[in-house]
Amino acid sequence: MKIIAWVVRIALFLVVLTFSLRNTELVTVKWLPGLEVQVQLVVALLIALLVGAVFAWVCLVPSWLKAKRNATVATKNVERLERELSQLKAQSNNSNTPVIEEPLPLLSLGPSHGI
């Protein structure tokens, strides 16, 4: 599997290298009126790719934080329920009355977990 991954990486590198060597001409990037920059086509595409990746990462951060918060709340709920169960078991052992144990409900994060 590692060999396949390296073959794909090398092939991707060669495609990007070939693209960058074949597209070295200058292009004019017009930003605002009166603000124009001349850069190589490859540099302009690389900057656009990086800006898009950063924008996507910034847009995903809130959902990642929400998922982390939901997981923390679920973990705390599990710990609380386990403590309550151990206390109930201890009480039932002291009173010698049979206790019917029911399984704990599943804690689902729901559709808004963000993963």
N, C-alpha and C. Protein backbone atom coordinates (compact mmCIF):
# COMPACT_ATOMS: atom_id res chain seq x y z
N MET A 1 0.83 -1.20 0.00
CA MET A 1 0.00 0.00 0.00
C MET A 1 0.87 1.26 0.00
N LYS A 2 2.00 1.19 0.72
CA LYS A 2 2.89 2.35 0.75
C LYS A 2 3.48 2.63 -0.63
N ILE A 3 3.74 1.57 -1.37
CA ILE A 3 4.31 1.74 -2.70
C ILE A 3 3.31 2.46 -3.60
N ILE A 4 2.05 2.08 -3.52
CA ILE A 4 1.01 2.74 -4.33
C ILE A 4 0.91 4.21 -3.96
N ALA A 5 0.96 4.51 -2.66
CA ALA A 5 0.90 5.91 -2.21
C ALA A 5 2.07 6.70 -2.77
N TRP A 6 3.27 6.12 -2.76
CA TRP A 6 4.44 6.84 -3.28
C TRP A 6 4.35 7.01 -4.80
N VAL A 7 3.82 6.03 -5.50
CA VAL A 7 3.66 6.15 -6.95
C VAL A 7 2.69 7.29 -7.27
N VAL A 8 1.59 7.36 -6.51
CA VAL A 8 0.62 8.43 -6.73
C VAL A 8 1.26 9.79 -6.42
N ARG A 9 2.02 9.88 -5.33
CA ARG A 9 2.68 11.15 -4.98
C ARG A 9 3.65 11.59 -6.07
N ILE A 10 4.46 10.64 -6.56
CA ILE A 10 5.44 10.99 -7.60
C ILE A 10 4.73 11.41 -8.89
N ALA A 11 3.66 10.69 -9.24
CA ALA A 11 2.90 11.06 -10.44
C ALA A 11 2.29 12.45 -10.29
N LEU A 12 1.72 12.74 -9.14
CA LEU A 12 1.15 14.06 -8.90
C LEU A 12 2.23 15.14 -8.95
N PHE A 13 3.38 14.87 -8.37
CA PHE A 13 4.49 15.83 -8.42
C PHE A 13 4.90 16.09 -9.87
N LEU A 14 5.00 15.04 -10.67
CA LEU A 14 5.41 15.22 -12.06
C LEU A 14 4.37 16.00 -12.85
N VAL A 15 3.09 15.79 -12.58
CA VAL A 15 2.04 16.55 -13.26
C VAL A 15 2.15 18.03 -12.90
N VAL A 16 2.32 18.32 -11.61
CA VAL A 16 2.43 19.72 -11.17
C VAL A 16 3.71 20.35 -11.72
N LEU A 17 4.80 19.61 -11.72
CA LEU A 17 6.06 20.13 -12.26
C LEU A 17 5.92 20.44 -13.74
N THR A 18 5.34 19.53 -14.50
CA THR A 18 5.16 19.76 -15.92
C THR A 18 4.25 20.97 -16.17
N PHE A 19 3.17 21.06 -15.39
CA PHE A 19 2.26 22.20 -15.53
C PHE A 19 2.98 23.50 -15.26
N SER A 20 3.79 23.53 -14.19
CA SER A 20 4.47 24.78 -13.83
C SER A 20 5.55 25.15 -14.85
N LEU A 21 6.20 24.17 -15.44
CA LEU A 21 7.23 24.48 -16.44
C LEU A 21 6.61 24.94 -17.77
N ARG A 22 5.42 24.47 -18.08
CA ARG A 22 4.79 24.83 -19.35
C ARG A 22 4.01 26.13 -19.26
N ASN A 23 3.71 26.64 -18.06
CA ASN A 23 2.89 27.84 -17.90
C ASN A 23 3.66 28.93 -17.15
N THR A 24 4.73 29.39 -17.77
CA THR A 24 5.57 30.40 -17.11
C THR A 24 5.28 31.81 -17.61
N GLU A 25 4.35 31.97 -18.53
CA GLU A 25 4.09 33.32 -19.05
C GLU A 25 3.43 34.19 -17.98
N LEU A 26 3.59 35.49 -18.14
CA LEU A 26 3.04 36.44 -17.19
C LEU A 26 1.56 36.69 -17.48
N VAL A 27 0.80 36.82 -16.41
CA VAL A 27 -0.61 37.19 -16.52
C VAL A 27 -0.83 38.42 -15.64
N THR A 28 -1.84 39.20 -15.99
CA THR A 28 -2.17 40.39 -15.22
C THR A 28 -3.35 40.05 -14.31
N VAL A 29 -3.13 40.18 -13.02
CA VAL A 29 -4.18 39.94 -12.04
C VAL A 29 -4.73 41.30 -11.64
N LYS A 30 -6.01 41.53 -11.93
CA LYS A 30 -6.65 42.81 -11.62
C LYS A 30 -7.46 42.62 -10.35
N TRP A 31 -7.10 43.39 -9.32
CA TRP A 31 -7.77 43.25 -8.03
C TRP A 31 -8.82 44.33 -7.85
N LEU A 32 -8.40 45.53 -7.65
CA LEU A 32 -9.28 46.69 -7.52
C LEU A 32 -8.94 47.66 -8.64
N PRO A 33 -9.82 48.62 -8.89
CA PRO A 33 -9.48 49.60 -9.94
C PRO A 33 -8.14 50.28 -9.63
N GLY A 34 -7.24 50.19 -10.57
CA GLY A 34 -5.93 50.80 -10.40
C GLY A 34 -4.92 49.88 -9.74
N LEU A 35 -5.34 48.70 -9.28
CA LEU A 35 -4.43 47.76 -8.62
C LEU A 35 -4.31 46.51 -9.49
N GLU A 36 -3.21 46.45 -10.21
CA GLU A 36 -2.94 45.32 -11.09
C GLU A 36 -1.56 44.80 -10.80
N VAL A 37 -1.42 43.50 -10.86
CA VAL A 37 -0.13 42.86 -10.60
C VAL A 37 0.14 41.87 -11.71
N GLN A 38 1.36 41.86 -12.19
CA GLN A 38 1.74 40.87 -13.19
C GLN A 38 2.58 39.80 -12.50
N VAL A 39 2.10 38.57 -12.57
CA VAL A 39 2.80 37.42 -11.98
C VAL A 39 2.72 36.26 -12.97
N GLN A 40 3.53 35.25 -12.71
CA GLN A 40 3.46 34.05 -13.53
C GLN A 40 2.14 33.34 -13.26
N LEU A 41 1.63 32.66 -14.27
CA LEU A 41 0.36 31.97 -14.16
C LEU A 41 0.38 30.95 -13.02
N VAL A 42 1.47 30.22 -12.89
CA VAL A 42 1.57 29.20 -11.85
C VAL A 42 1.50 29.85 -10.46
N VAL A 43 2.14 30.98 -10.28
CA VAL A 43 2.11 31.66 -8.98
C VAL A 43 0.69 32.13 -8.67
N ALA A 44 0.00 32.67 -9.66
CA ALA A 44 -1.37 33.13 -9.45
C ALA A 44 -2.28 31.96 -9.07
N LEU A 45 -2.13 30.82 -9.74
CA LEU A 45 -2.95 29.65 -9.42
C LEU A 45 -2.61 29.09 -8.03
N LEU A 46 -1.33 29.09 -7.68
CA LEU A 46 -0.93 28.61 -6.37
C LEU A 46 -1.49 29.49 -5.26
N ILE A 47 -1.44 30.79 -5.45
CA ILE A 47 -2.00 31.71 -4.44
C ILE A 47 -3.51 31.51 -4.33
N ALA A 48 -4.20 31.35 -5.47
CA ALA A 48 -5.64 31.11 -5.43
C ALA A 48 -5.96 29.81 -4.70
N LEU A 49 -5.17 28.78 -4.92
CA LEU A 49 -5.36 27.50 -4.23
C LEU A 49 -5.17 27.64 -2.73
N LEU A 50 -4.12 28.34 -2.32
CA LEU A 50 -3.85 28.52 -0.90
C LEU A 50 -4.93 29.36 -0.22
N VAL A 51 -5.38 30.41 -0.89
CA VAL A 51 -6.45 31.25 -0.32
C VAL A 51 -7.74 30.43 -0.17
N GLY A 52 -8.04 29.59 -1.15
CA GLY A 52 -9.23 28.74 -1.07
C GLY A 52 -9.12 27.72 0.06
N ALA A 53 -7.94 27.13 0.26
CA ALA A 53 -7.76 26.16 1.33
C ALA A 53 -7.90 26.83 2.70
N VAL A 54 -7.34 28.01 2.86
CA VAL A 54 -7.47 28.73 4.13
C VAL A 54 -8.92 29.11 4.39
N PHE A 55 -9.62 29.56 3.36
CA PHE A 55 -11.03 29.92 3.51
C PHE A 55 -11.87 28.70 3.90
N ALA A 56 -11.62 27.55 3.27
CA ALA A 56 -12.36 26.33 3.62
C ALA A 56 -12.07 25.92 5.06
N TRP A 57 -10.82 26.02 5.48
CA TRP A 57 -10.45 25.66 6.86
C TRP A 57 -11.16 26.58 7.85
N VAL A 58 -11.18 27.87 7.58
CA VAL A 58 -11.84 28.83 8.47
C VAL A 58 -13.35 28.55 8.54
N CYS A 59 -13.94 28.16 7.42
CA CYS A 59 -15.38 27.85 7.42
C CYS A 59 -15.69 26.57 8.20
N LEU A 60 -14.77 25.64 8.28
CA LEU A 60 -15.01 24.37 8.97
C LEU A 60 -14.71 24.41 10.46
N VAL A 61 -13.95 25.39 10.91
CA VAL A 61 -13.57 25.45 12.33
C VAL A 61 -14.78 25.48 13.26
N PRO A 62 -15.84 26.26 13.01
CA PRO A 62 -16.98 26.24 13.94
C PRO A 62 -17.62 24.86 14.10
N SER A 63 -17.77 24.12 13.01
CA SER A 63 -18.39 22.79 13.13
C SER A 63 -17.47 21.83 13.86
N TRP A 64 -16.15 21.96 13.69
CA TRP A 64 -15.21 21.11 14.45
C TRP A 64 -15.30 21.42 15.94
N LEU A 65 -15.39 22.70 16.28
CA LEU A 65 -15.50 23.07 17.69
C LEU A 65 -16.81 22.58 18.29
N LYS A 66 -17.89 22.65 17.51
CA LYS A 66 -19.18 22.17 18.00
C LYS A 66 -19.13 20.66 18.23
N ALA A 67 -18.52 19.92 17.32
CA ALA A 67 -18.41 18.47 17.48
C ALA A 67 -17.57 18.13 18.71
N LYS A 68 -16.50 18.89 18.93
CA LYS A 68 -15.66 18.65 20.11
C LYS A 68 -16.45 18.93 21.38
N ARG A 69 -17.23 20.00 21.38
CA ARG A 69 -18.04 20.34 22.56
C ARG A 69 -19.09 19.26 22.82
N ASN A 70 -19.75 18.77 21.76
CA ASN A 70 -20.75 17.71 21.91
C ASN A 70 -20.12 16.44 22.45
N ALA A 71 -18.93 16.10 21.98
CA ALA A 71 -18.25 14.90 22.46
C ALA A 71 -17.89 15.05 23.93
N THR A 72 -17.45 16.24 24.34
CA THR A 72 -17.12 16.48 25.74
C THR A 72 -18.35 16.34 26.62
N VAL A 73 -19.46 16.90 26.18
CA VAL A 73 -20.71 16.80 26.95
C VAL A 73 -21.15 15.34 27.06
N ALA A 74 -21.06 14.60 25.96
CA ALA A 74 -21.45 13.19 25.98
C ALA A 74 -20.55 12.39 26.92
N THR A 75 -19.26 12.68 26.92
CA THR A 75 -18.34 11.99 27.81
C THR A 75 -18.66 12.29 29.27
N LYS A 76 -18.96 13.53 29.57
CA LYS A 76 -19.32 13.89 30.94
C LYS A 76 -20.62 13.21 31.36
N ASN A 77 -21.58 13.11 30.43
CA ASN A 77 -22.84 12.42 30.74
C ASN A 77 -22.59 10.94 31.03
N VAL A 78 -21.73 10.31 30.25
CA VAL A 78 -21.41 8.90 30.48
C VAL A 78 -20.76 8.73 31.85
N GLU A 79 -19.82 9.59 32.19
CA GLU A 79 -19.16 9.50 33.50
C GLU A 79 -20.17 9.69 34.63
N ARG A 80 -21.08 10.64 34.48
CA ARG A 80 -22.09 10.88 35.51
C ARG A 80 -23.00 9.67 35.67
N LEU A 81 -23.44 9.12 34.55
CA LEU A 81 -24.32 7.96 34.61
C LEU A 81 -23.61 6.74 35.20
N GLU A 82 -22.32 6.58 34.91
CA GLU A 82 -21.57 5.48 35.51
C GLU A 82 -21.43 5.65 37.02
N ARG A 83 -21.22 6.90 37.48
CA ARG A 83 -21.16 7.15 38.92
C ARG A 83 -22.50 6.84 39.58
N GLU A 84 -23.60 7.29 38.95
CA GLU A 84 -24.92 7.01 39.50
C GLU A 84 -25.20 5.51 39.55
N LEU A 85 -24.78 4.79 38.53
CA LEU A 85 -24.99 3.35 38.51
C LEU A 85 -24.21 2.66 39.61
N SER A 86 -22.96 3.08 39.82
CA SER A 86 -22.17 2.47 40.89
C SER A 86 -22.77 2.79 42.26
N GLN A 87 -23.30 4.00 42.44
CA GLN A 87 -23.96 4.35 43.70
C GLN A 87 -25.21 3.50 43.91
N LEU A 88 -26.00 3.32 42.85
CA LEU A 88 -27.19 2.49 42.97
C LEU A 88 -26.85 1.03 43.28
N LYS A 89 -25.78 0.54 42.67
CA LYS A 89 -25.34 -0.83 42.97
C LYS A 89 -24.91 -0.96 44.42
N ALA A 90 -24.19 0.06 44.90
CA ALA A 90 -23.75 0.04 46.29
C ALA A 90 -24.95 0.07 47.23
N GLN A 91 -25.95 0.87 46.91
CA GLN A 91 -27.15 0.95 47.75
C GLN A 91 -27.91 -0.38 47.72
N SER A 92 -27.98 -1.00 46.55
CA SER A 92 -28.72 -2.26 46.46
C SER A 92 -27.99 -3.37 47.20
N ASN A 93 -26.67 -3.33 47.24
CA ASN A 93 -25.91 -4.33 48.00
C ASN A 93 -26.13 -4.17 49.49
N ASN A 94 -26.32 -2.94 49.94
CA ASN A 94 -26.55 -2.69 51.36
C ASN A 94 -27.96 -3.10 51.77
N SER A 95 -28.93 -2.93 50.90
CA SER A 95 -30.33 -3.22 51.27
C SER A 95 -30.72 -4.65 50.95
N ASN A 96 -29.89 -5.41 50.24
CA ASN A 96 -30.13 -6.80 49.86
C ASN A 96 -31.45 -6.99 49.12
N THR A 97 -31.87 -6.01 48.37
CA THR A 97 -33.06 -6.16 47.54
C THR A 97 -32.61 -6.30 46.10
N PRO A 98 -33.25 -7.19 45.37
CA PRO A 98 -32.83 -7.37 43.98
C PRO A 98 -33.16 -6.13 43.15
N VAL A 99 -32.21 -5.76 42.33
CA VAL A 99 -32.39 -4.60 41.44
C VAL A 99 -32.32 -5.09 40.00
N ILE A 100 -33.31 -4.71 39.22
CA ILE A 100 -33.32 -5.08 37.81
C ILE A 100 -32.51 -4.03 37.07
N GLU A 101 -31.44 -4.48 36.45
CA GLU A 101 -30.57 -3.55 35.73
C GLU A 101 -31.05 -3.42 34.29
N GLU A 102 -31.27 -2.20 33.89
CA GLU A 102 -31.63 -1.92 32.51
C GLU A 102 -30.42 -1.35 31.81
N PRO A 103 -30.25 -1.63 30.52
CA PRO A 103 -29.09 -1.09 29.81
C PRO A 103 -29.18 0.44 29.73
N LEU A 104 -28.01 1.06 29.75
CA LEU A 104 -27.97 2.51 29.63
C LEU A 104 -28.42 2.91 28.23
N PRO A 105 -29.13 4.03 28.10
CA PRO A 105 -29.53 4.47 26.76
C PRO A 105 -28.30 4.91 25.96
N LEU A 106 -28.38 4.69 24.68
CA LEU A 106 -27.29 5.13 23.81
C LEU A 106 -27.32 6.64 23.70
N LEU A 107 -26.16 7.24 23.80
CA LEU A 107 -26.06 8.70 23.67
C LEU A 107 -25.62 9.01 22.25
N SER A 108 -26.54 9.48 21.45
CA SER A 108 -26.15 9.82 20.09
C SER A 108 -25.91 11.31 19.99
N LEU A 109 -24.99 11.67 19.14
CA LEU A 109 -24.68 13.07 18.94
C LEU A 109 -25.65 13.73 17.98
N GLY A 110 -26.37 12.95 17.23
CA GLY A 110 -27.35 13.50 16.31
C GLY A 110 -26.73 13.94 14.99
N PRO A 111 -27.55 14.48 14.11
CA PRO A 111 -27.06 14.83 12.79
C PRO A 111 -26.18 16.07 12.77
N SER A 112 -26.12 16.80 13.87
CA SER A 112 -25.35 18.05 13.85
C SER A 112 -23.97 17.87 14.46
N HIS A 113 -23.39 16.67 14.39
CA HIS A 113 -22.09 16.47 15.01
C HIS A 113 -20.96 17.08 14.21
N GLY A 114 -21.14 17.39 12.96
CA GLY A 114 -20.16 18.15 12.20
C GLY A 114 -18.99 17.35 11.66
N ILE A 115 -19.07 16.07 11.71
CA ILE A 115 -17.95 15.27 11.22
C ILE A 115 -18.31 14.68 9.89
